[in-house]
């Protein structure tokens, strides 16, 4: 079996460690009522390219073993109760285009290990408990289109490098009241549309245009 999609089914209980034995899986989608922790055995799914465990009641840390699935292009774990930091081993997911950890209880800074994910287009870390600064290297990921960091505990200055993102469509920093500074003056309308695409909502004081 290459694909397992049980989205919308009323599955309950925990994810069994034996799931890691389904080594042919390339697509795995499970929701809505699963609980417990993510088993480290998920790292044994070496062919996995799409993992969606969103909209469950999963708890505990994100296992670093997920970094073993080097073919992963989409990792979606939003709307759970996951905690702990973002694993540094995600550095190995060089094909990753979408990372969605929104609406969990993830803590710590945004790890520098994500700076190597050159194929990343969609980054959703909103509604967590992340702290530290918005990293300058975000502006050096050339394919980024969507950055969602709203409702965290981020602080520091607005990285000028974000103004160089040619493909940026949506940047959401809402309710990070520790973030301050001015928007990059050289940002093109395509990159930062102040009236629509850029959602700051008092996250920092806008500079004069």
N, C-alpha and C. Protein backbone atom coordinates (compact mmCIF):
# COMPACT_ATOMS: atom_id res chain seq x y z
N UNK A 1 0.84 -1.20 0.00
CA UNK A 1 0.00 0.00 0.00
C UNK A 1 0.87 1.24 0.00
N UNK A 2 0.61 2.13 -0.95
CA UNK A 2 1.40 3.34 -1.08
C UNK A 2 0.74 4.55 -0.43
N UNK A 3 -0.59 4.53 -0.30
CA UNK A 3 -1.31 5.70 0.20
C UNK A 3 -2.40 5.27 1.17
N UNK A 4 -2.50 6.00 2.30
CA UNK A 4 -3.55 5.75 3.28
C UNK A 4 -4.17 7.08 3.67
N UNK A 5 -5.43 7.29 3.30
CA UNK A 5 -6.14 8.53 3.59
C UNK A 5 -7.44 8.19 4.33
N UNK A 6 -7.47 8.54 5.62
CA UNK A 6 -8.66 8.32 6.44
C UNK A 6 -9.15 9.65 7.00
N UNK A 7 -8.97 10.70 6.22
CA UNK A 7 -9.40 12.03 6.64
C UNK A 7 -10.91 12.05 6.85
N UNK A 8 -11.34 12.63 7.98
CA UNK A 8 -12.76 12.77 8.25
C UNK A 8 -13.39 11.56 8.89
N UNK A 9 -12.66 10.46 8.99
CA UNK A 9 -13.20 9.29 9.68
C UNK A 9 -13.14 9.51 11.19
N UNK A 10 -13.98 8.85 11.91
CA UNK A 10 -14.04 9.04 13.35
C UNK A 10 -13.13 8.04 14.06
N UNK A 11 -11.86 8.10 13.69
CA UNK A 11 -10.87 7.23 14.31
C UNK A 11 -10.52 7.75 15.70
N UNK A 12 -10.35 6.85 16.65
CA UNK A 12 -9.95 7.23 18.01
C UNK A 12 -8.75 6.40 18.42
N UNK A 13 -8.18 6.78 19.56
CA UNK A 13 -7.04 6.04 20.07
C UNK A 13 -5.72 6.67 19.67
N UNK A 14 -4.66 5.93 19.86
CA UNK A 14 -3.32 6.44 19.60
C UNK A 14 -2.78 5.87 18.29
N UNK A 15 -1.78 6.53 17.75
CA UNK A 15 -1.11 6.01 16.56
C UNK A 15 -0.22 4.85 16.97
N UNK A 16 -0.41 3.68 16.40
CA UNK A 16 0.40 2.52 16.81
C UNK A 16 1.83 2.62 16.29
N UNK A 17 2.76 2.18 17.11
CA UNK A 17 4.16 2.17 16.68
C UNK A 17 4.36 1.31 15.45
N UNK A 18 3.49 0.32 15.26
CA UNK A 18 3.61 -0.58 14.11
C UNK A 18 3.38 0.14 12.78
N UNK A 19 2.84 1.36 12.84
CA UNK A 19 2.65 2.13 11.61
C UNK A 19 3.97 2.33 10.88
N UNK A 20 5.05 2.36 11.65
CA UNK A 20 6.37 2.53 11.04
C UNK A 20 6.81 1.36 10.18
N UNK A 21 6.06 0.25 10.25
CA UNK A 21 6.40 -0.92 9.43
C UNK A 21 5.83 -0.82 8.01
N UNK A 22 4.95 0.16 7.79
CA UNK A 22 4.34 0.31 6.46
C UNK A 22 5.30 1.10 5.58
N UNK A 23 6.42 0.51 5.29
CA UNK A 23 7.53 1.24 4.68
C UNK A 23 7.28 1.64 3.22
N UNK A 24 6.22 1.15 2.61
CA UNK A 24 5.91 1.54 1.23
C UNK A 24 5.08 2.81 1.15
N UNK A 25 4.59 3.28 2.29
CA UNK A 25 3.71 4.45 2.29
C UNK A 25 4.42 5.69 1.77
N UNK A 26 3.75 6.38 0.85
CA UNK A 26 4.24 7.68 0.39
C UNK A 26 3.31 8.81 0.83
N UNK A 27 2.02 8.50 1.05
CA UNK A 27 1.04 9.48 1.50
C UNK A 27 0.30 8.92 2.71
N UNK A 28 0.23 9.72 3.79
CA UNK A 28 -0.47 9.30 5.00
C UNK A 28 -1.28 10.47 5.53
N UNK A 29 -2.60 10.28 5.60
CA UNK A 29 -3.52 11.31 6.10
C UNK A 29 -4.45 10.65 7.11
N UNK A 30 -4.40 11.13 8.37
CA UNK A 30 -5.23 10.58 9.43
C UNK A 30 -5.79 11.71 10.29
N UNK A 31 -7.09 11.74 10.51
CA UNK A 31 -7.75 12.69 11.42
C UNK A 31 -9.15 12.13 11.68
N UNK A 32 -9.85 12.52 12.73
CA UNK A 32 -9.86 13.74 13.48
C UNK A 32 -9.72 13.53 14.98
N UNK A 33 -9.77 12.33 15.49
CA UNK A 33 -9.89 12.14 16.93
C UNK A 33 -8.73 11.35 17.54
N UNK A 34 -7.63 11.28 16.87
CA UNK A 34 -6.49 10.55 17.39
C UNK A 34 -5.84 11.31 18.54
N UNK A 35 -5.31 10.58 19.51
CA UNK A 35 -4.70 11.19 20.68
C UNK A 35 -3.35 10.53 20.95
N UNK A 36 -2.72 10.94 22.05
CA UNK A 36 -1.43 10.36 22.39
C UNK A 36 -0.29 11.04 21.64
N UNK A 37 0.88 10.47 21.77
CA UNK A 37 2.09 11.06 21.17
C UNK A 37 2.37 10.46 19.79
N UNK A 38 3.10 11.22 19.01
CA UNK A 38 3.55 10.72 17.71
C UNK A 38 4.64 9.68 17.93
N UNK A 39 4.49 8.50 17.39
CA UNK A 39 5.51 7.47 17.61
C UNK A 39 6.80 7.77 16.83
N UNK A 40 7.91 7.50 17.47
CA UNK A 40 9.20 7.70 16.80
C UNK A 40 9.33 6.82 15.57
N UNK A 41 8.55 5.74 15.52
CA UNK A 41 8.62 4.82 14.39
C UNK A 41 8.20 5.45 13.07
N UNK A 42 7.56 6.64 13.11
CA UNK A 42 7.22 7.33 11.87
C UNK A 42 8.48 7.60 11.04
N UNK A 43 9.60 7.70 11.72
CA UNK A 43 10.86 7.92 11.01
C UNK A 43 11.28 6.76 10.14
N UNK A 44 10.62 5.61 10.29
CA UNK A 44 10.92 4.46 9.46
C UNK A 44 10.24 4.49 8.11
N UNK A 45 9.37 5.50 7.89
CA UNK A 45 8.66 5.60 6.61
C UNK A 45 9.52 6.40 5.64
N UNK A 46 10.52 5.74 5.11
CA UNK A 46 11.54 6.42 4.31
C UNK A 46 11.02 6.91 2.96
N UNK A 47 9.89 6.37 2.49
CA UNK A 47 9.33 6.79 1.20
C UNK A 47 8.27 7.88 1.34
N UNK A 48 7.99 8.26 2.57
CA UNK A 48 6.89 9.19 2.81
C UNK A 48 7.19 10.56 2.23
N UNK A 49 6.28 11.06 1.40
CA UNK A 49 6.42 12.40 0.83
C UNK A 49 5.35 13.36 1.33
N UNK A 50 4.25 12.81 1.85
CA UNK A 50 3.15 13.65 2.33
C UNK A 50 2.61 13.06 3.63
N UNK A 51 2.73 13.85 4.73
CA UNK A 51 2.22 13.43 6.02
C UNK A 51 1.29 14.50 6.57
N UNK A 52 0.04 14.14 6.77
CA UNK A 52 -0.95 15.07 7.30
C UNK A 52 -1.66 14.41 8.48
N UNK A 53 -1.33 14.89 9.68
CA UNK A 53 -1.97 14.42 10.92
C UNK A 53 -2.65 15.59 11.61
N UNK A 54 -3.11 16.55 10.84
CA UNK A 54 -3.75 17.75 11.37
C UNK A 54 -5.11 17.42 11.98
N UNK A 55 -5.58 18.35 12.83
CA UNK A 55 -6.94 18.28 13.38
C UNK A 55 -7.18 17.03 14.20
N UNK A 56 -6.20 16.69 15.02
CA UNK A 56 -6.36 15.60 15.97
C UNK A 56 -6.17 16.15 17.38
N UNK A 57 -5.88 15.28 18.30
CA UNK A 57 -5.63 15.68 19.70
C UNK A 57 -4.28 15.12 20.15
N UNK A 58 -3.33 15.17 19.25
CA UNK A 58 -2.00 14.61 19.50
C UNK A 58 -1.22 15.49 20.47
N UNK A 59 -0.43 14.87 21.32
CA UNK A 59 0.32 15.58 22.35
C UNK A 59 1.79 15.20 22.29
N UNK A 60 2.57 15.86 23.14
CA UNK A 60 3.99 15.52 23.24
C UNK A 60 4.82 16.17 22.16
N UNK A 61 6.10 15.83 22.09
CA UNK A 61 7.01 16.47 21.15
C UNK A 61 6.87 15.93 19.73
N UNK A 62 7.36 16.71 18.79
CA UNK A 62 7.49 16.24 17.41
C UNK A 62 8.73 15.37 17.34
N UNK A 63 8.61 14.09 17.02
CA UNK A 63 9.79 13.22 17.05
C UNK A 63 10.82 13.63 16.00
N UNK A 64 12.07 13.70 16.44
CA UNK A 64 13.14 14.08 15.52
C UNK A 64 13.31 13.07 14.40
N UNK A 65 12.82 11.85 14.62
CA UNK A 65 12.96 10.80 13.61
C UNK A 65 12.23 11.14 12.31
N UNK A 66 11.28 12.08 12.35
CA UNK A 66 10.60 12.49 11.12
C UNK A 66 11.60 13.02 10.11
N UNK A 67 12.72 13.52 10.61
CA UNK A 67 13.78 14.00 9.71
C UNK A 67 14.40 12.92 8.87
N UNK A 68 14.10 11.65 9.17
CA UNK A 68 14.63 10.54 8.37
C UNK A 68 13.89 10.38 7.05
N UNK A 69 12.69 10.96 6.97
CA UNK A 69 11.87 10.81 5.75
C UNK A 69 12.29 11.87 4.74
N UNK A 70 13.42 11.66 4.12
CA UNK A 70 14.05 12.70 3.31
C UNK A 70 13.33 13.01 2.00
N UNK A 71 12.31 12.21 1.66
CA UNK A 71 11.51 12.50 0.46
C UNK A 71 10.31 13.38 0.78
N UNK A 72 10.15 13.77 2.03
CA UNK A 72 8.98 14.54 2.47
C UNK A 72 8.91 15.89 1.77
N UNK A 73 7.75 16.15 1.16
CA UNK A 73 7.52 17.46 0.54
C UNK A 73 6.48 18.28 1.31
N UNK A 74 5.60 17.61 2.06
CA UNK A 74 4.60 18.32 2.86
C UNK A 74 4.46 17.64 4.22
N UNK A 75 4.61 18.45 5.27
CA UNK A 75 4.46 17.98 6.64
C UNK A 75 3.44 18.86 7.33
N UNK A 76 2.28 18.30 7.64
CA UNK A 76 1.15 19.06 8.18
C UNK A 76 0.71 18.43 9.52
N UNK A 77 0.92 19.20 10.59
CA UNK A 77 0.59 18.73 11.94
C UNK A 77 -0.24 19.78 12.69
N UNK A 78 -0.91 20.64 12.00
CA UNK A 78 -1.62 21.76 12.64
C UNK A 78 -2.81 21.27 13.47
N UNK A 79 -3.24 22.15 14.36
CA UNK A 79 -4.44 21.91 15.17
C UNK A 79 -4.34 20.63 16.00
N UNK A 80 -3.27 20.55 16.79
CA UNK A 80 -3.09 19.50 17.77
C UNK A 80 -2.67 20.15 19.08
N UNK A 81 -2.10 19.36 19.98
CA UNK A 81 -1.55 19.89 21.24
C UNK A 81 -0.08 19.52 21.37
N UNK A 82 0.62 19.53 20.25
CA UNK A 82 2.03 19.17 20.25
C UNK A 82 2.85 20.23 20.99
N UNK A 83 3.88 19.79 21.68
CA UNK A 83 4.69 20.70 22.49
C UNK A 83 6.17 20.46 22.22
N UNK A 84 7.01 21.16 22.96
CA UNK A 84 8.45 21.03 22.75
C UNK A 84 8.92 21.88 21.59
N UNK A 85 10.16 21.73 21.25
CA UNK A 85 10.77 22.56 20.20
C UNK A 85 10.66 21.90 18.83
N UNK A 86 10.92 22.68 17.80
CA UNK A 86 10.95 22.16 16.42
C UNK A 86 12.26 21.39 16.25
N UNK A 87 12.20 20.11 15.87
CA UNK A 87 13.43 19.30 15.82
C UNK A 87 14.43 19.82 14.79
N UNK A 88 15.69 19.85 15.20
CA UNK A 88 16.75 20.26 14.28
C UNK A 88 16.90 19.29 13.11
N UNK A 89 16.49 18.04 13.31
CA UNK A 89 16.67 17.03 12.26
C UNK A 89 15.79 17.29 11.04
N UNK A 90 14.87 18.25 11.13
CA UNK A 90 14.11 18.61 9.93
C UNK A 90 15.03 19.18 8.86
N UNK A 91 16.25 19.48 9.23
CA UNK A 91 17.25 19.98 8.28
C UNK A 91 17.44 19.00 7.11
N UNK A 92 17.14 17.73 7.35
CA UNK A 92 17.34 16.71 6.31
C UNK A 92 16.20 16.67 5.29
N UNK A 93 15.13 17.40 5.54
CA UNK A 93 13.98 17.37 4.63
C UNK A 93 14.16 18.42 3.53
N UNK A 94 15.15 18.20 2.69
CA UNK A 94 15.54 19.20 1.70
C UNK A 94 14.51 19.39 0.60
N UNK A 95 13.57 18.46 0.46
CA UNK A 95 12.50 18.60 -0.55
C UNK A 95 11.25 19.26 0.01
N UNK A 96 11.27 19.60 1.29
CA UNK A 96 10.07 20.10 1.95
C UNK A 96 9.61 21.42 1.34
N UNK A 97 8.35 21.43 0.88
CA UNK A 97 7.75 22.64 0.31
C UNK A 97 6.75 23.28 1.27
N UNK A 98 6.16 22.47 2.16
CA UNK A 98 5.16 22.99 3.09
C UNK A 98 5.40 22.42 4.48
N UNK A 99 5.56 23.32 5.47
CA UNK A 99 5.70 22.94 6.86
C UNK A 99 4.61 23.65 7.65
N UNK A 100 3.64 22.90 8.15
CA UNK A 100 2.49 23.47 8.84
C UNK A 100 2.40 22.88 10.24
N UNK A 101 2.82 23.69 11.22
CA UNK A 101 2.75 23.30 12.63
C UNK A 101 1.83 24.24 13.39
N UNK A 102 0.96 24.93 12.68
CA UNK A 102 0.12 25.95 13.29
C UNK A 102 -0.83 25.41 14.35
N UNK A 103 -1.10 26.26 15.34
CA UNK A 103 -2.08 25.97 16.38
C UNK A 103 -1.72 24.73 17.19
N UNK A 104 -0.54 24.78 17.78
CA UNK A 104 -0.08 23.77 18.72
C UNK A 104 0.46 24.49 19.96
N UNK A 105 1.37 23.86 20.68
CA UNK A 105 2.00 24.47 21.85
C UNK A 105 3.51 24.38 21.72
N UNK A 106 3.99 24.56 20.50
CA UNK A 106 5.42 24.44 20.22
C UNK A 106 6.16 25.63 20.83
N UNK A 107 7.29 25.37 21.45
CA UNK A 107 8.05 26.40 22.16
C UNK A 107 9.46 26.54 21.58
N UNK A 108 10.20 27.52 22.13
CA UNK A 108 11.57 27.74 21.71
C UNK A 108 11.68 28.66 20.52
N UNK A 109 12.89 28.92 20.06
CA UNK A 109 13.09 29.77 18.89
C UNK A 109 12.83 29.02 17.60
N UNK A 110 12.70 29.78 16.51
CA UNK A 110 12.63 29.17 15.18
C UNK A 110 14.03 28.67 14.84
N UNK A 111 14.24 27.37 14.68
CA UNK A 111 15.60 26.83 14.60
C UNK A 111 16.31 27.20 13.29
N UNK A 112 17.59 27.47 13.41
CA UNK A 112 18.40 27.82 12.25
C UNK A 112 18.51 26.67 11.26
N UNK A 113 18.21 25.45 11.72
CA UNK A 113 18.28 24.29 10.82
C UNK A 113 17.31 24.41 9.66
N UNK A 114 16.23 25.19 9.82
CA UNK A 114 15.28 25.36 8.72
C UNK A 114 15.83 26.24 7.61
N UNK A 115 16.94 26.89 7.86
CA UNK A 115 17.52 27.81 6.88
C UNK A 115 18.00 27.10 5.62
N UNK A 116 18.15 25.79 5.69
CA UNK A 116 18.65 25.03 4.53
C UNK A 116 17.53 24.52 3.64
N UNK A 117 16.27 24.78 4.01
CA UNK A 117 15.13 24.22 3.27
C UNK A 117 14.80 25.13 2.08
N UNK A 118 15.60 25.04 1.05
CA UNK A 118 15.51 25.95 -0.09
C UNK A 118 14.24 25.80 -0.91
N UNK A 119 13.53 24.69 -0.75
CA UNK A 119 12.31 24.46 -1.52
C UNK A 119 11.04 24.89 -0.78
N UNK A 120 11.21 25.43 0.42
CA UNK A 120 10.07 25.77 1.25
C UNK A 120 9.26 26.92 0.63
N UNK A 121 7.95 26.68 0.47
CA UNK A 121 7.04 27.69 -0.07
C UNK A 121 6.04 28.17 0.98
N UNK A 122 5.66 27.30 1.87
CA UNK A 122 4.61 27.59 2.84
C UNK A 122 5.12 27.24 4.24
N UNK A 123 5.24 28.26 5.11
CA UNK A 123 5.69 28.06 6.48
C UNK A 123 4.63 28.58 7.44
N UNK A 124 3.97 27.67 8.15
CA UNK A 124 2.95 28.06 9.11
C UNK A 124 3.36 27.60 10.50
N UNK A 125 3.78 28.59 11.32
CA UNK A 125 4.12 28.33 12.72
C UNK A 125 3.25 29.17 13.64
N UNK A 126 2.15 29.67 13.11
CA UNK A 126 1.27 30.55 13.87
C UNK A 126 0.58 29.84 15.03
N UNK A 127 0.17 30.64 16.02
CA UNK A 127 -0.58 30.14 17.17
C UNK A 127 0.19 29.06 17.91
N UNK A 128 1.41 29.40 18.30
CA UNK A 128 2.23 28.56 19.14
C UNK A 128 2.81 29.41 20.27
N UNK A 129 3.91 28.98 20.84
CA UNK A 129 4.55 29.73 21.93
C UNK A 129 6.02 29.94 21.62
N UNK A 130 6.30 30.20 20.34
CA UNK A 130 7.68 30.41 19.91
C UNK A 130 8.19 31.74 20.43
N UNK A 131 9.47 31.77 20.79
CA UNK A 131 10.09 33.01 21.26
C UNK A 131 11.35 33.31 20.47
N UNK A 132 12.06 34.34 20.88
CA UNK A 132 13.25 34.75 20.14
C UNK A 132 12.88 35.67 18.99
N UNK A 133 13.81 35.90 18.12
CA UNK A 133 13.62 36.84 17.02
C UNK A 133 13.15 36.16 15.75
N UNK A 134 12.63 36.97 14.83
CA UNK A 134 12.31 36.47 13.49
C UNK A 134 13.63 36.38 12.74
N UNK A 135 14.03 35.20 12.33
CA UNK A 135 15.39 35.06 11.77
C UNK A 135 15.58 35.76 10.43
N UNK A 136 16.75 36.35 10.28
CA UNK A 136 17.11 37.03 9.04
C UNK A 136 17.12 36.07 7.86
N UNK A 137 17.46 34.81 8.12
CA UNK A 137 17.60 33.85 7.01
C UNK A 137 16.27 33.52 6.34
N UNK A 138 15.14 33.86 6.94
CA UNK A 138 13.87 33.63 6.26
C UNK A 138 13.84 34.35 4.91
N UNK A 139 14.47 35.49 4.86
CA UNK A 139 14.50 36.26 3.62
C UNK A 139 15.42 35.69 2.56
N UNK A 140 16.14 34.62 2.89
CA UNK A 140 17.05 33.99 1.94
C UNK A 140 16.51 32.67 1.41
N UNK A 141 15.26 32.34 1.77
CA UNK A 141 14.62 31.14 1.22
C UNK A 141 13.83 31.58 -0.01
N UNK A 142 14.37 31.37 -1.20
CA UNK A 142 13.88 32.07 -2.39
C UNK A 142 12.47 31.73 -2.84
N UNK A 143 11.94 30.58 -2.43
CA UNK A 143 10.62 30.16 -2.92
C UNK A 143 9.48 30.47 -1.96
N UNK A 144 9.78 31.08 -0.83
CA UNK A 144 8.75 31.33 0.17
C UNK A 144 7.63 32.20 -0.38
N UNK A 145 6.40 31.73 -0.21
CA UNK A 145 5.20 32.48 -0.62
C UNK A 145 4.33 32.86 0.58
N UNK A 146 4.30 32.00 1.59
CA UNK A 146 3.44 32.22 2.75
C UNK A 146 4.25 32.03 4.02
N UNK A 147 4.23 33.05 4.88
CA UNK A 147 4.89 32.98 6.19
C UNK A 147 3.87 33.36 7.25
N UNK A 148 3.53 32.42 8.12
CA UNK A 148 2.57 32.68 9.18
C UNK A 148 3.24 32.44 10.53
N UNK A 149 3.44 33.54 11.25
CA UNK A 149 4.07 33.48 12.57
C UNK A 149 3.21 34.16 13.62
N UNK A 150 1.93 34.35 13.32
CA UNK A 150 1.05 35.12 14.20
C UNK A 150 0.82 34.43 15.55
N UNK A 151 0.53 35.26 16.56
CA UNK A 151 0.19 34.78 17.90
C UNK A 151 1.26 33.85 18.47
N UNK A 152 2.48 34.36 18.49
CA UNK A 152 3.59 33.74 19.20
C UNK A 152 4.15 34.75 20.20
N UNK A 153 5.35 34.52 20.65
CA UNK A 153 6.00 35.41 21.62
C UNK A 153 7.30 35.97 21.03
N UNK A 154 7.28 36.21 19.73
CA UNK A 154 8.49 36.66 19.03
C UNK A 154 8.81 38.10 19.37
N UNK A 155 10.08 38.45 19.27
CA UNK A 155 10.54 39.80 19.61
C UNK A 155 11.65 40.21 18.66
N UNK A 156 12.20 41.40 18.88
CA UNK A 156 13.30 41.88 18.05
C UNK A 156 12.81 42.75 16.91
N UNK A 157 13.67 42.94 15.93
CA UNK A 157 13.37 43.83 14.82
C UNK A 157 12.85 43.05 13.62
N UNK A 158 12.18 43.78 12.75
CA UNK A 158 11.66 43.21 11.51
C UNK A 158 12.83 42.98 10.55
N UNK A 159 13.09 41.75 10.11
CA UNK A 159 14.26 41.49 9.26
C UNK A 159 14.15 42.18 7.90
N UNK A 160 15.12 42.97 7.56
CA UNK A 160 15.11 43.66 6.27
C UNK A 160 15.16 42.68 5.12
N UNK A 161 15.70 41.48 5.35
CA UNK A 161 15.84 40.49 4.28
C UNK A 161 14.50 40.05 3.72
N UNK A 162 13.43 40.18 4.49
CA UNK A 162 12.11 39.76 3.99
C UNK A 162 11.68 40.58 2.79
N UNK A 163 12.22 41.77 2.66
CA UNK A 163 11.89 42.61 1.51
C UNK A 163 12.42 42.09 0.19
N UNK A 164 13.31 41.10 0.24
CA UNK A 164 13.89 40.56 -1.00
C UNK A 164 13.18 39.31 -1.50
N UNK A 165 12.14 38.88 -0.79
CA UNK A 165 11.42 37.67 -1.21
C UNK A 165 10.53 37.97 -2.40
N UNK A 166 10.94 37.53 -3.56
CA UNK A 166 10.25 37.85 -4.80
C UNK A 166 8.88 37.21 -4.92
N UNK A 167 8.67 36.07 -4.26
CA UNK A 167 7.43 35.32 -4.42
C UNK A 167 6.47 35.45 -3.24
N UNK A 168 6.82 36.30 -2.26
CA UNK A 168 6.02 36.40 -1.05
C UNK A 168 4.62 36.94 -1.34
N UNK A 169 3.61 36.21 -0.87
CA UNK A 169 2.21 36.58 -1.05
C UNK A 169 1.59 37.02 0.27
N UNK A 170 1.90 36.32 1.35
CA UNK A 170 1.23 36.56 2.63
C UNK A 170 2.23 36.43 3.76
N UNK A 171 2.35 37.51 4.54
CA UNK A 171 3.20 37.52 5.73
C UNK A 171 2.34 37.94 6.91
N UNK A 172 2.19 37.05 7.89
CA UNK A 172 1.33 37.32 9.03
C UNK A 172 2.15 37.27 10.31
N UNK A 173 2.28 38.42 10.97
CA UNK A 173 3.00 38.52 12.24
C UNK A 173 2.08 38.99 13.36
N UNK A 174 0.81 38.87 13.18
CA UNK A 174 -0.16 39.42 14.13
C UNK A 174 0.11 38.99 15.56
N UNK A 175 0.00 39.97 16.48
CA UNK A 175 0.03 39.73 17.92
C UNK A 175 1.38 39.21 18.42
N UNK A 176 2.47 39.56 17.74
CA UNK A 176 3.81 39.39 18.30
C UNK A 176 4.26 40.78 18.75
N UNK A 177 3.86 41.18 19.94
CA UNK A 177 4.02 42.57 20.34
C UNK A 177 5.45 42.94 20.69
N UNK A 178 6.34 41.97 20.71
CA UNK A 178 7.73 42.29 20.96
C UNK A 178 8.49 42.65 19.70
N UNK A 179 7.84 42.52 18.53
CA UNK A 179 8.49 42.82 17.25
C UNK A 179 8.33 44.30 16.94
N UNK A 180 9.41 44.95 16.54
CA UNK A 180 9.38 46.38 16.26
C UNK A 180 10.21 46.67 15.02
N UNK A 181 10.13 47.90 14.53
CA UNK A 181 10.94 48.31 13.40
C UNK A 181 10.10 48.74 12.23
N UNK A 182 10.77 49.00 11.10
CA UNK A 182 10.12 49.48 9.90
C UNK A 182 10.09 48.41 8.83
N UNK A 183 9.07 48.49 7.97
CA UNK A 183 9.04 47.64 6.80
C UNK A 183 10.17 48.02 5.86
N UNK A 184 10.74 47.06 5.15
CA UNK A 184 11.81 47.37 4.21
C UNK A 184 11.34 48.39 3.16
N UNK A 185 12.12 49.45 2.97
CA UNK A 185 11.71 50.50 2.04
C UNK A 185 11.82 50.08 0.59
N UNK A 186 12.59 49.02 0.32
CA UNK A 186 12.79 48.58 -1.07
C UNK A 186 11.87 47.44 -1.46
N UNK A 187 10.89 47.11 -0.60
CA UNK A 187 9.98 46.01 -0.93
C UNK A 187 9.05 46.41 -2.07
N UNK A 188 8.93 45.54 -3.06
CA UNK A 188 8.07 45.84 -4.20
C UNK A 188 6.62 45.54 -3.86
N UNK A 189 5.66 46.11 -4.60
CA UNK A 189 4.24 45.81 -4.33
C UNK A 189 3.92 44.34 -4.44
N UNK A 190 4.65 43.63 -5.30
CA UNK A 190 4.42 42.20 -5.45
C UNK A 190 4.78 41.45 -4.18
N UNK A 191 5.79 41.95 -3.46
CA UNK A 191 6.30 41.26 -2.30
C UNK A 191 5.51 41.57 -1.05
N UNK A 192 5.26 42.86 -0.81
CA UNK A 192 4.61 43.26 0.42
C UNK A 192 3.50 44.26 0.12
N UNK A 193 2.31 43.77 -0.11
CA UNK A 193 1.15 44.63 -0.30
C UNK A 193 0.63 45.02 1.07
N UNK A 194 0.85 46.26 1.46
CA UNK A 194 0.56 46.66 2.84
C UNK A 194 -0.92 46.58 3.18
N UNK A 195 -1.78 46.68 2.18
CA UNK A 195 -3.20 46.71 2.47
C UNK A 195 -3.84 45.33 2.48
N UNK A 196 -3.18 44.33 1.88
CA UNK A 196 -3.82 43.02 1.77
C UNK A 196 -2.91 41.89 2.22
N UNK A 197 -1.78 41.72 1.57
CA UNK A 197 -0.95 40.54 1.82
C UNK A 197 -0.21 40.59 3.14
N UNK A 198 0.11 41.79 3.63
CA UNK A 198 0.90 41.89 4.85
C UNK A 198 -0.02 42.13 6.03
N UNK A 199 -0.14 41.14 6.91
CA UNK A 199 -0.99 41.25 8.09
C UNK A 199 -0.11 41.43 9.30
N UNK A 200 -0.08 42.66 9.83
CA UNK A 200 0.77 42.93 10.98
C UNK A 200 -0.07 43.15 12.24
N UNK A 201 -1.21 43.81 12.12
CA UNK A 201 -2.14 43.97 13.21
C UNK A 201 -1.46 44.39 14.51
N UNK A 202 -0.77 45.50 14.46
CA UNK A 202 -0.14 46.09 15.64
C UNK A 202 1.03 45.26 16.16
N UNK A 203 1.58 44.38 15.31
CA UNK A 203 2.73 43.61 15.75
C UNK A 203 3.96 44.51 15.87
N UNK A 204 4.01 45.56 15.07
CA UNK A 204 5.06 46.57 15.20
C UNK A 204 4.53 47.85 14.61
N UNK A 205 5.22 48.96 14.85
CA UNK A 205 4.79 50.25 14.33
C UNK A 205 5.31 50.40 12.91
N UNK A 206 4.42 50.69 11.99
CA UNK A 206 4.83 50.84 10.60
C UNK A 206 5.63 52.12 10.44
N UNK A 207 6.71 52.05 9.66
CA UNK A 207 7.45 53.24 9.32
C UNK A 207 6.73 54.03 8.25
N UNK A 208 7.15 55.24 8.04
CA UNK A 208 6.53 56.07 6.99
C UNK A 208 6.91 55.53 5.63
N UNK A 209 5.98 55.51 4.65
CA UNK A 209 6.31 55.00 3.31
C UNK A 209 7.29 55.92 2.61
